[in-house]
Each structure stands twice: as structure tokens, then as C-alpha cells.
Amino acid sequence: MQLTFSIDGKPAVLNRHWFSGRLALDIGGKTTTIQSPWNPLNWFSTQLTQAWTIEALDHRVFIEKTRPFFLPALRPQTYRVKVDGELVAEQTGY
């Protein structure tokens, strides 16, 4: 799954690898790993919604992931990206 948006005119891409679950944000060539497949806490979460806040280019980037309750690994998840409180991208997928 890939979400594309811009921050101050610079391209930003939120990527989630479908198999490993790695979640990374790439802004202007600089990549920040948000969720690593090597962290066991990422594999066994009871929360339906997870959120991360990242400071990038003097802006606050808020990323929210919502997963379904039943069989979450086999069903699409919803991702929302807000920059300074304004929704800039939303997508449901793997």
C-alpha cells in the first residue's frame, strides 16, 4: 500500500509492505521507519487503532492506522495522514 501526498510542495510517500508490515514515511528522499517488522510488539497488538506523530519540515505529521476486529491480518486496513491537523491522504488497503 502506498499513500502519496505533499508537505510544503515536497513529495511525501507513506509505504506499508504487504507481507512484513513495515511502515515507512519518505519525505524528499529521507526515510523514517514508523513500524518495524523486527519489533515483536507490532505483531501482537490488541488495539484496533494505532497512531504516530512525526515532526517533518517544521510540520506535525499524524499517521493513524485502523484495523478491523475480525481477522485483521487478512483484511484491509485504513490509513489516514494529517499534516498540521488537516487530512491530506486516506486509503484502505493492504
Protein backbone atom coordinates (compact mmCIF):
# COMPACT_ATOMS: atom_id res chain seq x y z
CA MET A 1 0.00 0.00 0.00
CA GLN A 2 1.29 3.43 -0.86
CA LEU A 3 -0.10 6.87 0.01
CA THR A 4 1.29 9.88 -1.83
CA PHE A 5 0.86 13.48 -0.65
CA SER A 6 2.98 16.61 -0.32
CA ILE A 7 4.37 18.72 2.51
CA ASP A 8 5.41 22.27 1.60
CA GLY A 9 5.49 21.23 -2.06
CA LYS A 10 7.84 18.31 -1.39
CA PRO A 11 6.60 14.82 -2.26
CA ALA A 12 5.90 12.51 0.65
CA VAL A 13 5.12 8.81 0.44
CA LEU A 14 3.79 6.51 3.17
CA ASN A 15 4.62 2.88 2.35
CA ARG A 16 3.44 -0.30 4.03
CA HIS A 17 4.90 -3.61 2.88
CA TRP A 18 2.06 -6.11 2.46
CA PHE A 19 3.99 -9.11 3.85
CA SER A 20 6.34 -7.80 6.53
CA GLY A 21 4.12 -4.96 7.77
CA ARG A 22 6.96 -2.42 7.62
CA LEU A 23 5.56 1.10 7.66
CA ALA A 24 7.82 3.92 6.47
CA LEU A 25 7.45 7.59 5.59
CA ASP A 26 9.66 9.03 2.84
CA ILE A 27 9.82 12.83 2.58
CA GLY A 28 12.12 14.31 -0.02
CA GLY A 29 14.41 11.27 -0.05
CA LYS A 30 14.67 10.92 3.74
CA THR A 31 13.03 7.72 5.02
CA THR A 32 11.71 7.28 8.55
CA THR A 33 10.66 3.80 9.69
CA ILE A 34 7.46 4.02 11.70
CA GLN A 35 6.69 0.35 12.27
CA SER A 36 9.46 -2.24 12.00
CA PRO A 37 8.79 -5.92 11.26
CA TRP A 38 11.60 -6.81 13.71
CA ASN A 39 9.70 -5.41 16.70
CA PRO A 40 7.54 -8.24 18.14
CA LEU A 41 5.15 -5.72 19.72
CA ASN A 42 3.99 -4.79 16.21
CA TRP A 43 2.81 -8.33 15.56
CA PHE A 44 0.73 -8.78 18.70
CA SER A 45 -1.33 -5.68 19.26
CA THR A 46 -4.81 -5.69 20.77
CA GLN A 47 -5.52 -2.09 19.76
CA LEU A 48 -7.76 -1.51 16.74
CA THR A 49 -6.31 1.97 16.16
CA GLN A 50 -2.65 2.94 16.29
CA ALA A 51 -1.30 6.46 15.81
CA TRP A 52 2.11 8.03 15.32
CA THR A 53 3.21 11.68 15.26
CA ILE A 54 6.33 12.74 13.37
CA GLU A 55 7.91 16.18 13.04
CA ALA A 56 8.96 16.77 9.43
CA LEU A 57 9.87 20.01 7.62
CA ASP A 58 8.60 22.04 10.59
CA HIS A 59 5.20 20.37 10.34
CA ARG A 60 3.45 17.82 12.53
CA VAL A 61 2.57 14.68 10.56
CA PHE A 62 -0.06 12.50 12.24
CA ILE A 63 -0.49 8.95 10.90
CA GLU A 64 -3.37 6.77 12.02
CA LYS A 65 -3.95 3.10 11.21
CA THR A 66 -7.29 1.43 11.89
CA ARG A 67 -7.64 -2.32 11.51
CA PRO A 68 -10.75 -4.49 11.53
CA PHE A 69 -11.57 -6.56 14.61
CA PHE A 70 -12.10 -9.95 12.96
CA LEU A 71 -9.07 -11.49 11.15
CA PRO A 72 -7.15 -8.21 10.90
CA ALA A 73 -4.13 -9.66 9.08
CA LEU A 74 -6.33 -10.91 6.25
CA ARG A 75 -8.45 -7.81 5.76
CA PRO A 76 -7.70 -4.28 4.52
CA GLN A 77 -6.64 -1.60 6.98
CA THR A 78 -7.40 2.12 6.80
CA TYR A 79 -4.61 4.70 6.91
CA ARG A 80 -5.11 8.45 7.43
CA VAL A 81 -2.42 11.11 7.21
CA LYS A 82 -2.90 14.59 8.65
CA VAL A 83 -0.43 17.44 8.32
CA ASP A 84 -0.89 20.14 10.96
CA GLY A 85 -4.37 18.77 11.71
CA GLU A 86 -5.58 18.79 8.09
CA LEU A 87 -6.40 15.47 6.40
CA VAL A 88 -4.17 15.17 3.33
CA ALA A 89 -4.46 11.46 2.47
CA GLU A 90 -6.65 8.47 3.30
CA GLN A 91 -6.61 4.97 1.86
CA THR A 92 -7.83 1.49 2.69
CA GLY A 93 -5.70 -1.44 1.61
CA TYR A 94 -3.06 -3.98 2.48
